[in-house]
Each structure stands twice: as C-alpha cells, then as structure tokens.
Amino acid sequence: MKDSKTDKAEGMVDKAAGKVKEAVGKVTDDKDTEAEGKAQNTKGHAKETKGDVKDTIDSALKSDSEQNKR
C-alpha cells in the first residue's frame, strides 16, 4: 500500500496534468481532451483526499496507542 505522501504527490501530478489537458481541449475545441482533463483533475483530488485520510487514520492510531500506554 502506498503511503500518504505518495498519494498526495500523485494527486498533485494528476491535477496539474488534468488542468493542462483541460486547457488544451478548450483552446483546440476538443471536447474529448477537455473531458479527459476534467476527469484526471478529479482523480487527482481523490488521490490527495486519500492521502489526507491515511494521515488522519495514522494520527488517530498513534494517539490511541499513546493513550493505551498510560
């Protein structure tokens, strides 16, 4: 399983590439490319959110573990 930093980094790359594709699609009036860009941008947001969720779960588990040690 990928770590949260990897998910976030991949998400940022997908978002950037998606924005470029979307812009190219708009400029060239290519609706398919524009749609691909929007989809890739959405995929990037999802990957970043996945990384955030992993961070939250890790923090909760660490906090719970520390409390159980006391």
PDB file of N, CA and C in Angstrom:
ATOM      1  N   MET A   1       0.842  -1.176   0.000  1.00  0.00           N
ATOM      2  CA  MET A   1       0.000   0.000   0.000  1.00  0.00           C
ATOM      3  C   MET A   1       0.894   1.248   0.000  1.00  0.00           C
ATOM      4  N   LYS A   2       0.513   2.213  -0.796  1.00  0.00           N
ATOM      5  CA  LYS A   2       1.288   3.441  -0.889  1.00  0.00           C
ATOM      6  C   LYS A   2       1.114   4.270   0.379  1.00  0.00           C
ATOM      7  N   ASP A   3       2.123   5.053   0.699  1.00  0.00           N
ATOM      8  CA  ASP A   3       1.984   5.924   1.861  1.00  0.00           C
ATOM      9  C   ASP A   3       1.249   7.202   1.458  1.00  0.00           C
ATOM     10  N   SER A   4       0.879   7.976   2.445  1.00  0.00           N
ATOM     11  CA  SER A   4       0.069   9.170   2.197  1.00  0.00           C
ATOM     12  C   SER A   4       0.806  10.208   1.349  1.00  0.00           C
ATOM     13  N   LYS A   5       2.108  10.313   1.531  1.00  0.00           N
ATOM     14  CA  LYS A   5       2.876  11.292   0.755  1.00  0.00           C
ATOM     15  C   LYS A   5       2.872  10.941  -0.731  1.00  0.00           C
ATOM     16  N   THR A   6       2.958   9.649  -1.029  1.00  0.00           N
ATOM     17  CA  THR A   6       2.928   9.200  -2.421  1.00  0.00           C
ATOM     18  C   THR A   6       1.566   9.508  -3.043  1.00  0.00           C
ATOM     19  N   ASP A   7       0.502   9.213  -2.308  1.00  0.00           N
ATOM     20  CA  ASP A   7      -0.846   9.504  -2.812  1.00  0.00           C
ATOM     21  C   ASP A   7      -1.012  10.998  -3.079  1.00  0.00           C
ATOM     22  N   LYS A   8      -0.538  11.804  -2.147  1.00  0.00           N
ATOM     23  CA  LYS A   8      -0.674  13.258  -2.311  1.00  0.00           C
ATOM     24  C   LYS A   8       0.145  13.759  -3.502  1.00  0.00           C
ATOM     25  N   ALA A   9       1.355  13.238  -3.658  1.00  0.00           N
ATOM     26  CA  ALA A   9       2.207  13.658  -4.775  1.00  0.00           C
ATOM     27  C   ALA A   9       1.596  13.254  -6.116  1.00  0.00           C
ATOM     28  N   GLU A  10       1.123  12.007  -6.183  1.00  0.00           N
ATOM     29  CA  GLU A  10       0.479  11.557  -7.412  1.00  0.00           C
ATOM     30  C   GLU A  10      -0.775  12.384  -7.705  1.00  0.00           C
ATOM     31  N   GLY A  11      -1.490  12.738  -6.663  1.00  0.00           N
ATOM     32  CA  GLY A  11      -2.677  13.566  -6.828  1.00  0.00           C
ATOM     33  C   GLY A  11      -2.346  14.930  -7.397  1.00  0.00           C
ATOM     34  N   MET A  12      -1.269  15.515  -6.907  1.00  0.00           N
ATOM     35  CA  MET A  12      -0.852  16.832  -7.413  1.00  0.00           C
ATOM     36  C   MET A  12      -0.469  16.748  -8.886  1.00  0.00           C
ATOM     37  N   VAL A  13       0.228  15.679  -9.265  1.00  0.00           N
ATOM     38  CA  VAL A  13       0.635  15.487 -10.661  1.00  0.00           C
ATOM     39  C   VAL A  13      -0.598  15.311 -11.544  1.00  0.00           C
ATOM     40  N   ASP A  14      -1.543  14.475 -11.095  1.00  0.00           N
ATOM     41  CA  ASP A  14      -2.766  14.271 -11.872  1.00  0.00           C
ATOM     42  C   ASP A  14      -3.558  15.566 -12.023  1.00  0.00           C
ATOM     43  N   LYS A  15      -3.639  16.333 -10.952  1.00  0.00           N
ATOM     44  CA  LYS A  15      -4.374  17.605 -11.036  1.00  0.00           C
ATOM     45  C   LYS A  15      -3.726  18.545 -12.037  1.00  0.00           C
ATOM     46  N   ALA A  16      -2.406  18.654 -11.979  1.00  0.00           N
ATOM     47  CA  ALA A  16      -1.697  19.559 -12.895  1.00  0.00           C
ATOM     48  C   ALA A  16      -1.854  19.101 -14.344  1.00  0.00           C
ATOM     49  N   ALA A  17      -1.668  17.815 -14.585  1.00  0.00           N
ATOM     50  CA  ALA A  17      -1.807  17.286 -15.944  1.00  0.00           C
ATOM     51  C   ALA A  17      -3.243  17.445 -16.434  1.00  0.00           C
ATOM     52  N   GLY A  18      -4.176  17.229 -15.539  1.00  0.00           N
ATOM     53  CA  GLY A  18      -5.578  17.381 -15.907  1.00  0.00           C
ATOM     54  C   GLY A  18      -5.921  18.803 -16.296  1.00  0.00           C
ATOM     55  N   LYS A  19      -5.375  19.759 -15.563  1.00  0.00           N
ATOM     56  CA  LYS A  19      -5.627  21.171 -15.894  1.00  0.00           C
ATOM     57  C   LYS A  19      -5.038  21.524 -17.254  1.00  0.00           C
ATOM     58  N   VAL A  20      -3.862  20.980 -17.543  1.00  0.00           N
ATOM     59  CA  VAL A  20      -3.242  21.235 -18.846  1.00  0.00           C
ATOM     60  C   VAL A  20      -4.097  20.633 -19.961  1.00  0.00           C
ATOM     61  N   LYS A  21      -4.504  19.377 -19.795  1.00  0.00           N
ATOM     62  CA  LYS A  21      -5.348  18.740 -20.815  1.00  0.00           C
ATOM     63  C   LYS A  21      -6.648  19.507 -21.012  1.00  0.00           C
ATOM     64  N   GLU A  22      -7.228  19.931 -19.905  1.00  0.00           N
ATOM     65  CA  GLU A  22      -8.480  20.667 -19.988  1.00  0.00           C
ATOM     66  C   GLU A  22      -8.296  21.973 -20.769  1.00  0.00           C
ATOM     67  N   ALA A  23      -7.214  22.675 -20.476  1.00  0.00           N
ATOM     68  CA  ALA A  23      -6.931  23.931 -21.179  1.00  0.00           C
ATOM     69  C   ALA A  23      -6.666  23.693 -22.664  1.00  0.00           C
ATOM     70  N   VAL A  24      -5.901  22.657 -22.970  1.00  0.00           N
ATOM     71  CA  VAL A  24      -5.620  22.323 -24.372  1.00  0.00           C
ATOM     72  C   VAL A  24      -6.930  21.993 -25.089  1.00  0.00           C
ATOM     73  N   GLY A  25      -7.780  21.240 -24.433  1.00  0.00           N
ATOM     74  CA  GLY A  25      -9.064  20.888 -25.019  1.00  0.00           C
ATOM     75  C   GLY A  25      -9.925  22.106 -25.307  1.00  0.00           C
ATOM     76  N   LYS A  26      -9.903  23.065 -24.390  1.00  0.00           N
ATOM     77  CA  LYS A  26     -10.679  24.292 -24.598  1.00  0.00           C
ATOM     78  C   LYS A  26     -10.126  25.095 -25.773  1.00  0.00           C
ATOM     79  N   VAL A  27      -8.801  25.242 -25.806  1.00  0.00           N
ATOM     80  CA  VAL A  27      -8.159  26.042 -26.857  1.00  0.00           C
ATOM     81  C   VAL A  27      -8.364  25.417 -28.232  1.00  0.00           C
ATOM     82  N   THR A  28      -8.267  24.091 -28.295  1.00  0.00           N
ATOM     83  CA  THR A  28      -8.386  23.402 -29.588  1.00  0.00           C
ATOM     84  C   THR A  28      -9.829  22.992 -29.898  1.00  0.00           C
ATOM     85  N   ASP A  29     -10.729  23.325 -28.999  1.00  0.00           N
ATOM     86  CA  ASP A  29     -12.143  22.965 -29.124  1.00  0.00           C
ATOM     87  C   ASP A  29     -12.314  21.452 -29.255  1.00  0.00           C
ATOM     88  N   ASP A  30     -11.500  20.710 -28.485  1.00  0.00           N
ATOM     89  CA  ASP A  30     -11.556  19.246 -28.457  1.00  0.00           C
ATOM     90  C   ASP A  30     -12.246  18.838 -27.154  1.00  0.00           C
ATOM     91  N   LYS A  31     -13.508  18.539 -27.239  1.00  0.00           N
ATOM     92  CA  LYS A  31     -14.312  18.227 -26.047  1.00  0.00           C
ATOM     93  C   LYS A  31     -13.837  16.953 -25.347  1.00  0.00           C
ATOM     94  N   ASP A  32     -13.339  15.986 -26.112  1.00  0.00           N
ATOM     95  CA  ASP A  32     -12.849  14.753 -25.501  1.00  0.00           C
ATOM     96  C   ASP A  32     -11.627  15.012 -24.627  1.00  0.00           C
ATOM     97  N   THR A  33     -10.680  15.787 -25.135  1.00  0.00           N
ATOM     98  CA  THR A  33      -9.480  16.111 -24.365  1.00  0.00           C
ATOM     99  C   THR A  33      -9.850  16.941 -23.137  1.00  0.00           C
ATOM    100  N   GLU A  34     -10.772  17.870 -23.325  1.00  0.00           N
ATOM    101  CA  GLU A  34     -11.223  18.693 -22.198  1.00  0.00           C
ATOM    102  C   GLU A  34     -11.852  17.810 -21.115  1.00  0.00           C
ATOM    103  N   ALA A  35     -12.676  16.855 -21.528  1.00  0.00           N
ATOM    104  CA  ALA A  35     -13.315  15.941 -20.581  1.00  0.00           C
ATOM    105  C   ALA A  35     -12.285  15.047 -19.884  1.00  0.00           C
ATOM    106  N   GLU A  36     -11.293  14.577 -20.639  1.00  0.00           N
ATOM    107  CA  GLU A  36     -10.219  13.771 -20.042  1.00  0.00           C
ATOM    108  C   GLU A  36      -9.487  14.581 -18.976  1.00  0.00           C
ATOM    109  N   GLY A  37      -9.242  15.848 -19.277  1.00  0.00           N
ATOM    110  CA  GLY A  37      -8.570  16.718 -18.315  1.00  0.00           C
ATOM    111  C   GLY A  37      -9.369  16.895 -17.044  1.00  0.00           C
ATOM    112  N   LYS A  38     -10.664  17.108 -17.193  1.00  0.00           N
ATOM    113  CA  LYS A  38     -11.523  17.255 -16.017  1.00  0.00           C
ATOM    114  C   LYS A  38     -11.525  15.974 -15.189  1.00  0.00           C
ATOM    115  N   ALA A  39     -11.594  14.832 -15.873  1.00  0.00           N
ATOM    116  CA  ALA A  39     -11.589  13.553 -15.165  1.00  0.00           C
ATOM    117  C   ALA A  39     -10.266  13.329 -14.431  1.00  0.00           C
ATOM    118  N   GLN A  40      -9.162  13.656 -15.080  1.00  0.00           N
ATOM    119  CA  GLN A  40      -7.854  13.473 -14.450  1.00  0.00           C
ATOM    120  C   GLN A  40      -7.689  14.424 -13.262  1.00  0.00           C
ATOM    121  N   ASN A  41      -8.208  15.625 -13.385  1.00  0.00           N
ATOM    122  CA  ASN A  41      -8.165  16.588 -12.288  1.00  0.00           C
ATOM    123  C   ASN A  41      -8.955  16.045 -11.096  1.00  0.00           C
ATOM    124  N   THR A  42     -10.124  15.489 -11.362  1.00  0.00           N
ATOM    125  CA  THR A  42     -10.946  14.908 -10.303  1.00  0.00           C
ATOM    126  C   THR A  42     -10.230  13.721  -9.656  1.00  0.00           C
ATOM    127  N   LYS A  43      -9.586  12.900 -10.479  1.00  0.00           N
ATOM    128  CA  LYS A  43      -8.816  11.761  -9.972  1.00  0.00           C
ATOM    129  C   LYS A  43      -7.704  12.252  -9.045  1.00  0.00           C
ATOM    130  N   GLY A  44      -7.063  13.361  -9.416  1.00  0.00           N
ATOM    131  CA  GLY A  44      -6.010  13.937  -8.581  1.00  0.00           C
ATOM    132  C   GLY A  44      -6.531  14.397  -7.234  1.00  0.00           C
ATOM    133  N   HIS A  45      -7.691  15.034  -7.246  1.00  0.00           N
ATOM    134  CA  HIS A  45      -8.304  15.454  -5.983  1.00  0.00           C
ATOM    135  C   HIS A  45      -8.599  14.243  -5.103  1.00  0.00           C
ATOM    136  N   ALA A  46      -9.080  13.169  -5.718  1.00  0.00           N
ATOM    137  CA  ALA A  46      -9.392  11.953  -4.960  1.00  0.00           C
ATOM    138  C   ALA A  46      -8.139  11.345  -4.340  1.00  0.00           C
ATOM    139  N   LYS A  47      -7.045  11.316  -5.097  1.00  0.00           N
ATOM    140  CA  LYS A  47      -5.792  10.773  -4.552  1.00  0.00           C
ATOM    141  C   LYS A  47      -5.288  11.619  -3.387  1.00  0.00           C
ATOM    142  N   GLU A  48      -5.386  12.933  -3.512  1.00  0.00           N
ATOM    143  CA  GLU A  48      -4.948  13.794  -2.408  1.00  0.00           C
ATOM    144  C   GLU A  48      -5.814  13.562  -1.172  1.00  0.00           C
ATOM    145  N   THR A  49      -7.108  13.413  -1.377  1.00  0.00           N
ATOM    146  CA  THR A  49      -8.011  13.145  -0.259  1.00  0.00           C
ATOM    147  C   THR A  49      -7.678  11.811   0.382  1.00  0.00           C
ATOM    148  N   LYS A  50      -7.359  10.814  -0.433  1.00  0.00           N
ATOM    149  CA  LYS A  50      -6.961   9.503   0.080  1.00  0.00           C
ATOM    150  C   LYS A  50      -5.728   9.647   0.982  1.00  0.00           C
ATOM    151  N   GLY A  51      -4.765  10.459   0.556  1.00  0.00           N
ATOM    152  CA  GLY A  51      -3.577  10.703   1.369  1.00  0.00           C
ATOM    153  C   GLY A  51      -3.914  11.386   2.680  1.00  0.00           C
ATOM    154  N   ASP A  52      -4.843  12.336   2.627  1.00  0.00           N
ATOM    155  CA  ASP A  52      -5.279  13.026   3.845  1.00  0.00           C
ATOM    156  C   ASP A  52      -5.956  12.054   4.810  1.00  0.00           C
ATOM    157  N   VAL A  53      -6.785  11.172   4.279  1.00  0.00           N
ATOM    158  CA  VAL A  53      -7.473  10.185   5.117  1.00  0.00           C
ATOM    159  C   VAL A  53      -6.458   9.263   5.772  1.00  0.00           C
ATOM    160  N   LYS A  54      -5.463   8.831   5.017  1.00  0.00           N
ATOM    161  CA  LYS A  54      -4.413   7.977   5.591  1.00  0.00           C
ATOM    162  C   LYS A  54      -3.701   8.698   6.732  1.00  0.00           C
ATOM    163  N   ASP A  55      -3.399   9.986   6.544  1.00  0.00           N
ATOM    164  CA  ASP A  55      -2.750  10.767   7.605  1.00  0.00           C
ATOM    165  C   ASP A  55      -3.626  10.831   8.853  1.00  0.00           C
ATOM    166  N   THR A  56      -4.916  11.054   8.649  1.00  0.00           N
ATOM    167  CA  THR A  56      -5.847  11.145   9.770  1.00  0.00           C
ATOM    168  C   THR A  56      -5.925   9.824  10.525  1.00  0.00           C
ATOM    169  N   ILE A  57      -5.993   8.728   9.784  1.00  0.00           N
ATOM    170  CA  ILE A  57      -6.054   7.401  10.416  1.00  0.00           C
ATOM    171  C   ILE A  57      -4.763   7.121  11.180  1.00  0.00           C
ATOM    172  N   ASP A  58      -3.622   7.422  10.562  1.00  0.00           N
ATOM    173  CA  ASP A  58      -2.342   7.205  11.240  1.00  0.00           C
ATOM    174  C   ASP A  58      -2.254   8.018  12.531  1.00  0.00           C
ATOM    175  N   SER A  59      -2.686   9.258  12.475  1.00  0.00           N
ATOM    176  CA  SER A  59      -2.654  10.115  13.664  1.00  0.00           C
ATOM    177  C   SER A  59      -3.560   9.569  14.759  1.00  0.00           C
ATOM    178  N   ALA A  60      -4.740   9.119  14.361  1.00  0.00           N
ATOM    179  CA  ALA A  60      -5.672   8.563  15.341  1.00  0.00           C
ATOM    180  C   ALA A  60      -5.113   7.301  15.973  1.00  0.00           C
ATOM    181  N   LEU A  61      -4.506   6.450  15.163  1.00  0.00           N
ATOM    182  CA  LEU A  61      -3.929   5.207  15.694  1.00  0.00           C
ATOM    183  C   LEU A  61      -2.759   5.495  16.629  1.00  0.00           C
ATOM    184  N   LYS A  62      -1.926   6.451  16.259  1.00  0.00           N
ATOM    185  CA  LYS A  62      -0.796   6.812  17.120  1.00  0.00           C
ATOM    186  C   LYS A  62      -1.290   7.400  18.426  1.00  0.00           C
ATOM    187  N   SER A  63      -2.289   8.249  18.360  1.00  0.00           N
ATOM    188  CA  SER A  63      -2.848   8.869  19.551  1.00  0.00           C
ATOM    189  C   SER A  63      -3.458   7.812  20.464  1.00  0.00           C
ATOM    190  N   ASP A  64      -4.196   6.886  19.881  1.00  0.00           N
ATOM    191  CA  ASP A  64      -4.821   5.815  20.645  1.00  0.00           C
ATOM    192  C   ASP A  64      -3.757   4.935  21.273  1.00  0.00           C
ATOM    193  N   SER A  65      -2.710   4.645  20.537  1.00  0.00           N
ATOM    194  CA  SER A  65      -1.620   3.806  21.039  1.00  0.00           C
ATOM    195  C   SER A  65      -0.921   4.488  22.213  1.00  0.00           C
ATOM    196  N   GLU A  66      -0.699   5.772  22.088  1.00  0.00           N
ATOM    197  CA  GLU A  66      -0.037   6.528  23.157  1.00  0.00           C
ATOM    198  C   GLU A  66      -0.905   6.580  24.400  1.00  0.00           C
ATOM    199  N   GLN A  67      -2.210   6.714  24.224  1.00  0.00           N
ATOM    200  CA  GLN A  67      -3.116   6.753  25.368  1.00  0.00           C
ATOM    201  C   GLN A  67      -3.189   5.404  26.065  1.00  0.00           C
ATOM    202  N   ASN A  68      -3.081   4.328  25.310  1.00  0.00           N
ATOM    203  CA  ASN A  68      -3.128   2.995  25.906  1.00  0.00           C
ATOM    204  C   ASN A  68      -1.860   2.684  26.684  1.00  0.00           C
ATOM    205  N   LYS A  69      -0.756   3.361  26.402  1.00  0.00           N
ATOM    206  CA  LYS A  69       0.485   3.150  27.124  1.00  0.00           C
ATOM    207  C   LYS A  69       0.431   3.748  28.517  1.00  0.00           C
ATOM    208  N   ARG A  70      -0.452   4.691  28.725  1.00  0.00           N
ATOM    209  CA  ARG A  70      -0.510   5.395  30.021  1.00  0.00           C
ATOM    210  C   ARG A  70      -1.241   4.635  31.034  1.00  0.00           C
TER     211      ARG A  70
END
